[in-house]
C-alpha atoms as a PDB file:
ATOM      1  CA  TYR A   1      -8.596  23.189  32.550  1.00  0.00           C
ATOM      2  CA  ALA A   2      -9.594  19.885  34.373  1.00  0.00           C
ATOM      3  CA  PRO A   3      -8.843  16.488  33.414  1.00  0.00           C
ATOM      4  CA  VAL A   4     -11.898  14.666  32.471  1.00  0.00           C
ATOM      5  CA  ALA A   5     -11.404  11.993  35.199  1.00  0.00           C
ATOM      6  CA  HIS A   6     -11.546  14.650  37.836  1.00  0.00           C
ATOM      7  CA  LEU A   7     -15.009  16.141  36.716  1.00  0.00           C
ATOM      8  CA  ALA A   8     -18.081  14.846  38.380  1.00  0.00           C
ATOM      9  CA  TYR A   9     -21.708  14.885  37.787  1.00  0.00           C
ATOM     10  CA  ILE A  10     -24.162  15.796  40.552  1.00  0.00           C
ATOM     11  CA  GLY A  11     -24.241  12.927  43.031  1.00  0.00           C
ATOM     12  CA  ARG A  12     -20.990  11.347  41.924  1.00  0.00           C
ATOM     13  CA  LYS A  13     -17.580  11.767  43.468  1.00  0.00           C
ATOM     14  CA  PRO A  14     -14.685  12.857  41.081  1.00  0.00           C
ATOM     15  CA  GLY A  15     -12.960   9.659  39.720  1.00  0.00           C
ATOM     16  CA  ALA A  16     -15.695   7.339  40.878  1.00  0.00           C
ATOM     17  CA  PRO A  17     -16.664   4.703  38.357  1.00  0.00           C
ATOM     18  CA  THR A  18     -19.593   5.673  35.965  1.00  0.00           C
ATOM     19  CA  ARG A  19     -23.033   4.329  36.562  1.00  0.00           C
ATOM     20  CA  ASP A  20     -24.750   1.991  33.903  1.00  0.00           C
ATOM     21  CA  SER A  21     -27.713   4.155  33.219  1.00  0.00           C
ATOM     22  CA  ASP A  22     -29.328   1.301  31.195  1.00  0.00           C
ATOM     23  CA  ALA A  23     -29.522  -0.813  34.296  1.00  0.00           C
ATOM     24  CA  TRP A  24     -31.698   1.537  36.495  1.00  0.00           C
ATOM     25  CA  PHE A  25     -34.720  -0.387  37.528  1.00  0.00           C
ATOM     26  CA  THR A  26     -38.218   0.905  38.142  1.00  0.00           C
ATOM     27  CA  PRO A  27     -39.235   0.845  41.936  1.00  0.00           C
ATOM     28  CA  ALA A  28     -42.226  -1.274  42.777  1.00  0.00           C
ATOM     29  CA  VAL A  29     -44.493   1.643  43.817  1.00  0.00           C
ATOM     30  CA  TYR A  30     -44.341   2.875  40.172  1.00  0.00           C
ATOM     31  CA  ILE A  31     -45.094  -0.567  38.781  1.00  0.00           C
ATOM     32  CA  GLU A  32     -48.023  -0.755  40.937  1.00  0.00           C
ATOM     33  CA  SER A  33     -49.334   2.359  39.496  1.00  0.00           C
ATOM     34  CA  VAL A  34     -48.663   0.942  35.835  1.00  0.00           C
ATOM     35  CA  LYS A  35     -50.639  -2.215  36.647  1.00  0.00           C
ATOM     36  CA  ALA A  36     -53.441  -0.209  38.309  1.00  0.00           C
ATOM     37  CA  ALA A  37     -53.731   1.752  34.823  1.00  0.00           C
ATOM     38  CA  LEU A  38     -53.171  -1.173  32.524  1.00  0.00           C
ATOM     39  CA  GLY A  39     -54.476  -4.116  34.530  1.00  0.00           C
ATOM     40  CA  GLU A  40     -51.423  -6.215  33.526  1.00  0.00           C
ATOM     41  CA  ILE A  41     -48.176  -5.803  31.819  1.00  0.00           C
ATOM     42  CA  ASP A  42     -48.012  -8.178  28.826  1.00  0.00           C
ATOM     43  CA  LEU A  43     -44.655  -6.885  27.484  1.00  0.00           C
ATOM     44  CA  ASP A  44     -41.661  -5.001  28.814  1.00  0.00           C
ATOM     45  CA  PRO A  45     -39.565  -4.348  25.626  1.00  0.00           C
ATOM     46  CA  PHE A  46     -36.238  -3.271  27.115  1.00  0.00           C
ATOM     47  CA  SER A  47     -35.719  -5.412  30.200  1.00  0.00           C
ATOM     48  CA  SER A  48     -33.942  -8.284  31.830  1.00  0.00           C
ATOM     49  CA  GLU A  49     -34.788 -11.355  33.861  1.00  0.00           C
ATOM     50  CA  ARG A  50     -33.867  -9.485  37.112  1.00  0.00           C
ATOM     51  CA  ALA A  51     -35.916  -6.318  36.324  1.00  0.00           C
ATOM     52  CA  ASN A  52     -38.899  -8.530  35.393  1.00  0.00           C
ATOM     53  CA  GLN A  53     -38.818  -9.883  39.061  1.00  0.00           C
ATOM     54  CA  THR A  54     -40.341  -6.492  39.947  1.00  0.00           C
ATOM     55  CA  VAL A  55     -42.237  -5.627  36.767  1.00  0.00           C
ATOM     56  CA  GLY A  56     -43.957  -9.001  36.347  1.00  0.00           C
ATOM     57  CA  ALA A  57     -44.472  -8.760  32.517  1.00  0.00           C
ATOM     58  CA  LYS A  58     -45.792 -11.798  30.880  1.00  0.00           C
ATOM     59  CA  GLN A  59     -43.113 -11.342  28.308  1.00  0.00           C
ATOM     60  CA  PHE A  60     -39.905  -9.133  28.000  1.00  0.00           C
ATOM     61  CA  PHE A  61     -37.379  -8.562  25.356  1.00  0.00           C
ATOM     62  CA  SER A  62     -33.756  -8.250  26.483  1.00  0.00           C
ATOM     63  CA  ILE A  63     -30.325  -7.502  24.955  1.00  0.00           C
ATOM     64  CA  GLU A  64     -30.212 -11.109  23.838  1.00  0.00           C
ATOM     65  CA  HIS A  65     -33.741 -11.026  22.442  1.00  0.00           C
ATOM     66  CA  SER A  66     -33.875  -7.539  21.095  1.00  0.00           C
ATOM     67  CA  ALA A  67     -36.958  -5.185  21.110  1.00  0.00           C
ATOM     68  CA  PHE A  68     -35.417  -3.525  17.882  1.00  0.00           C
ATOM     69  CA  GLU A  69     -35.550  -7.028  16.060  1.00  0.00           C
ATOM     70  CA  HIS A  70     -38.994  -8.281  17.186  1.00  0.00           C
ATOM     71  CA  GLU A  71     -42.470  -7.223  16.562  1.00  0.00           C
ATOM     72  CA  TRP A  72     -44.297  -6.232  19.797  1.00  0.00           C
ATOM     73  CA  ASN A  73     -47.702  -7.951  18.984  1.00  0.00           C
ATOM     74  CA  VAL A  74     -47.112 -10.858  21.422  1.00  0.00           C
ATOM     75  CA  GLN A  75     -50.771 -11.237  22.002  1.00  0.00           C
ATOM     76  CA  THR A  76     -54.287  -9.529  21.329  1.00  0.00           C
ATOM     77  CA  ASN A  77     -54.854  -6.455  23.274  1.00  0.00           C
ATOM     78  CA  CYS A  78     -51.263  -6.352  24.471  1.00  0.00           C
ATOM     79  CA  ARG A  79     -50.167  -3.708  27.205  1.00  0.00           C
ATOM     80  CA  VAL A  80     -46.823  -2.533  27.275  1.00  0.00           C
ATOM     81  CA  PHE A  81     -44.579  -0.845  29.983  1.00  0.00           C
ATOM     82  CA  MET A  82     -41.282   0.616  28.856  1.00  0.00           C
ATOM     83  CA  ASN A  83     -38.448   1.926  31.001  1.00  0.00           C
ATOM     84  CA  PRO A  84     -36.082   2.320  27.985  1.00  0.00           C
ATOM     85  CA  PRO A  85     -32.189   2.363  28.074  1.00  0.00           C
ATOM     86  CA  TYR A  86     -31.202   5.961  28.853  1.00  0.00           C
ATOM     87  CA  SER A  87     -27.665   5.828  27.166  1.00  0.00           C
ATOM     88  CA  ALA A  88     -26.969   8.149  24.240  1.00  0.00           C
ATOM     89  CA  GLY A  89     -28.470   6.965  21.087  1.00  0.00           C
ATOM     90  CA  LEU A  90     -30.387   4.101  22.570  1.00  0.00           C
ATOM     91  CA  CYS A  91     -33.192   6.230  24.183  1.00  0.00           C
ATOM     92  CA  SER A  92     -34.071   7.964  21.174  1.00  0.00           C
ATOM     93  CA  ARG A  93     -34.066   4.762  19.111  1.00  0.00           C
ATOM     94  CA  ALA A  94     -36.139   3.042  21.820  1.00  0.00           C
ATOM     95  CA  ILE A  95     -38.788   5.798  21.752  1.00  0.00           C
ATOM     96  CA  ALA A  96     -38.869   5.725  18.020  1.00  0.00           C
ATOM     97  CA  ARG A  97     -39.426   2.017  18.111  1.00  0.00           C
ATOM     98  CA  PHE A  98     -42.179   2.320  20.782  1.00  0.00           C
ATOM     99  CA  VAL A  99     -44.010   4.978  18.588  1.00  0.00           C
ATOM    100  CA  GLN A 100     -43.530   2.792  15.486  1.00  0.00           C
ATOM    101  CA  GLN A 101     -45.093  -0.281  17.240  1.00  0.00           C
ATOM    102  CA  TRP A 102     -47.927   1.820  18.656  1.00  0.00           C
ATOM    103  CA  GLU A 103     -48.696   3.177  15.172  1.00  0.00           C
ATOM    104  CA  ALA A 104     -48.582  -0.424  13.774  1.00  0.00           C
ATOM    105  CA  GLY A 105     -51.368  -1.288  16.235  1.00  0.00           C
ATOM    106  CA  ASN A 106     -49.029  -3.853  17.904  1.00  0.00           C
ATOM    107  CA  PHE A 107     -50.270  -2.930  21.445  1.00  0.00           C
ATOM    108  CA  THR A 108     -53.412  -1.392  22.671  1.00  0.00           C
ATOM    109  CA  GLU A 109     -52.236   0.469  25.833  1.00  0.00           C
ATOM    110  CA  GLY A 110     -48.800   1.463  26.840  1.00  0.00           C
ATOM    111  CA  ILE A 111     -46.952   3.461  29.483  1.00  0.00           C
ATOM    112  CA  VAL A 112     -43.333   4.855  29.065  1.00  0.00           C
ATOM    113  CA  LEU A 113     -41.238   6.186  31.874  1.00  0.00           C
ATOM    114  CA  ILE A 114     -38.739   8.518  30.732  1.00  0.00           C
ATOM    115  CA  ASN A 115     -36.799  11.625  31.641  1.00  0.00           C
ATOM    116  CA  ASN A 116     -38.772  14.741  31.037  1.00  0.00           C
ATOM    117  CA  ALA A 117     -36.409  16.084  28.388  1.00  0.00           C
ATOM    118  CA  THR A 118     -38.923  18.361  26.805  1.00  0.00           C
ATOM    119  CA  ASP A 119     -36.123  20.005  24.754  1.00  0.00           C
ATOM    120  CA  THR A 120     -35.498  16.717  22.794  1.00  0.00           C
ATOM    121  CA  LYS A 121     -36.833  15.685  19.405  1.00  0.00           C
ATOM    122  CA  TRP A 122     -37.709  12.160  20.897  1.00  0.00           C
ATOM    123  CA  PHE A 123     -39.570  13.658  23.753  1.00  0.00           C
ATOM    124  CA  LYS A 124     -41.731  15.760  21.318  1.00  0.00           C
ATOM    125  CA  ALA A 125     -42.419  12.464  19.252  1.00  0.00           C
ATOM    126  CA  LEU A 126     -43.537  10.687  22.325  1.00  0.00           C
ATOM    127  CA  ALA A 127     -45.610  13.430  23.638  1.00  0.00           C
ATOM    128  CA  GLU A 128     -47.397  14.215  20.475  1.00  0.00           C
ATOM    129  CA  LYS A 129     -48.595  10.409  20.244  1.00  0.00           C
ATOM    130  CA  SER A 130     -49.437  10.002  23.746  1.00  0.00           C
ATOM    131  CA  THR A 131     -52.906  10.540  25.280  1.00  0.00           C
ATOM    132  CA  SER A 132     -51.954  11.702  28.834  1.00  0.00           C
ATOM    133  CA  LEU A 133     -48.702  12.471  30.770  1.00  0.00           C
ATOM    134  CA  CYS A 134     -47.753  12.468  34.328  1.00  0.00           C
ATOM    135  CA  PHE A 135     -44.882  14.759  35.130  1.00  0.00           C
ATOM    136  CA  THR A 136     -43.492  13.655  38.543  1.00  0.00           C
ATOM    137  CA  ASP A 137     -43.361  16.024  41.248  1.00  0.00           C
ATOM    138  CA  HIS A 138     -40.110  14.446  42.444  1.00  0.00           C
ATOM    139  CA  ARG A 139     -36.997  12.720  41.183  1.00  0.00           C
ATOM    140  CA  ILE A 140     -37.449   9.016  41.027  1.00  0.00           C
ATOM    141  CA  SER A 141     -34.933   7.187  43.033  1.00  0.00           C
ATOM    142  CA  PHE A 142     -34.469   4.154  40.712  1.00  0.00           C
ATOM    143  CA  TRP A 143     -33.190   0.809  42.074  1.00  0.00           C
ATOM    144  CA  ASN A 144     -30.020  -1.055  41.268  1.00  0.00           C
ATOM    145  CA  ALA A 145     -30.226  -4.907  40.597  1.00  0.00           C
ATOM    146  CA  ASP A 146     -30.245  -5.476  44.281  1.00  0.00           C
ATOM    147  CA  LYS A 147     -33.448  -3.125  44.706  1.00  0.00           C
ATOM    148  CA  LYS A 148     -31.330  -0.474  46.415  1.00  0.00           C
ATOM    149  CA  ASN A 149     -31.947   3.283  45.747  1.00  0.00           C
ATOM    150  CA  ILE A 150     -29.449   4.684  43.198  1.00  0.00           C
ATOM    151  CA  SER A 151     -28.752   8.166  44.380  1.00  0.00           C
ATOM    152  CA  GLY A 152     -27.776  11.232  41.990  1.00  0.00           C
ATOM    153  CA  ASN A 153     -30.706  11.247  39.740  1.00  0.00           C
ATOM    154  CA  THR A 154     -30.423  14.650  38.252  1.00  0.00           C
ATOM    155  CA  ARG A 155     -33.538  14.830  36.350  1.00  0.00           C
ATOM    156  CA  GLY A 156     -37.276  14.678  36.731  1.00  0.00           C
ATOM    157  CA  GLN A 157     -39.320  12.123  34.856  1.00  0.00           C
ATOM    158  CA  VAL A 158     -42.544  11.800  33.048  1.00  0.00           C
ATOM    159  CA  PHE A 159     -44.992   8.820  32.311  1.00  0.00           C
ATOM    160  CA  ALA A 160     -46.436   8.908  29.028  1.00  0.00           C
ATOM    161  CA  TYR A 161     -49.742   7.038  28.566  1.00  0.00           C
ATOM    162  CA  PHE A 162     -50.981   5.589  25.121  1.00  0.00           C
ATOM    163  CA  GLY A 163     -54.461   4.340  25.062  1.00  0.00           C
ATOM    164  CA  LYS A 164     -58.232   5.287  25.635  1.00  0.00           C
ATOM    165  CA  ASN A 165     -58.435   4.907  29.331  1.00  0.00           C
ATOM    166  CA  LYS A 166     -57.199   8.459  30.362  1.00  0.00           C
ATOM    167  CA  GLU A 167     -59.217   8.438  33.557  1.00  0.00           C
ATOM    168  CA  GLY A 168     -57.773   5.150  34.697  1.00  0.00           C
ATOM    169  CA  PHE A 169     -54.224   6.466  34.058  1.00  0.00           C
ATOM    170  CA  LYS A 170     -55.111   9.792  35.943  1.00  0.00           C
ATOM    171  CA  LYS A 171     -56.519   7.926  38.906  1.00  0.00           C
ATOM    172  CA  ALA A 172     -53.381   5.573  39.042  1.00  0.00           C
ATOM    173  CA  PHE A 173     -50.748   8.232  38.618  1.00  0.00           C
ATOM    174  CA  GLN A 174     -52.060  11.465  40.228  1.00  0.00           C
ATOM    175  CA  GLN A 175     -50.355  10.562  43.468  1.00  0.00           C
ATOM    176  CA  HIS A 176     -46.928  10.907  41.514  1.00  0.00           C
ATOM    177  CA  GLY A 177     -47.500  14.407  39.870  1.00  0.00           C
ATOM    178  CA  LEU A 178     -49.229  16.644  37.365  1.00  0.00           C
ATOM    179  CA  ILE A 179     -51.382  14.711  34.906  1.00  0.00           C
ATOM    180  CA  MET A 180     -51.833  16.519  31.687  1.00  0.00           C
ATOM    181  CA  ALA A 181     -54.238  15.206  28.841  1.00  0.00           C
ATOM    182  CA  VAL A 182     -52.721  15.451  25.343  1.00  0.00           C
ATOM    183  CA  GLN A 183     -54.951  16.887  22.806  1.00  0.00           C
ATOM    184  CA  VAL A 184     -54.817  14.563  19.569  1.00  0.00           C
END
């Protein structure tokens, strides 16, 4: 038997404070690939003012202006990038919201950055609706609010693309890993 406070996840020392997995920011190199695939980012639905300094979305939703409560049709031909909150419960809700907004036609292209948790229902729902996937060939070193790498990422990631420009997505993301087209 070991007290919970003495257990540690990989990359974390026993007794160290927990990390806020909802405040892991996407490094600029991946944002550059997102912009190469989409052209621009019109909406980042789960973000903050600080994160948007790197993402550069024309509009973003935050905790105060929730993506769960607002429609995502911020403009015609809207392009969405989403790095959702990863905490338990929020991730699956964010994926469900993304898919619901996609099916409602509230955006024309989108890219989701998420853990490649292929054993989850939310991953299946996301993958089945996407048109292409990029499974990274490395673990992403996410940034904290000060743009410093957060160590200890214990999972691989996947970028899920929604849209018609599969070739543009492939060209922009092949440097990051394996590209797979999804049969729709």
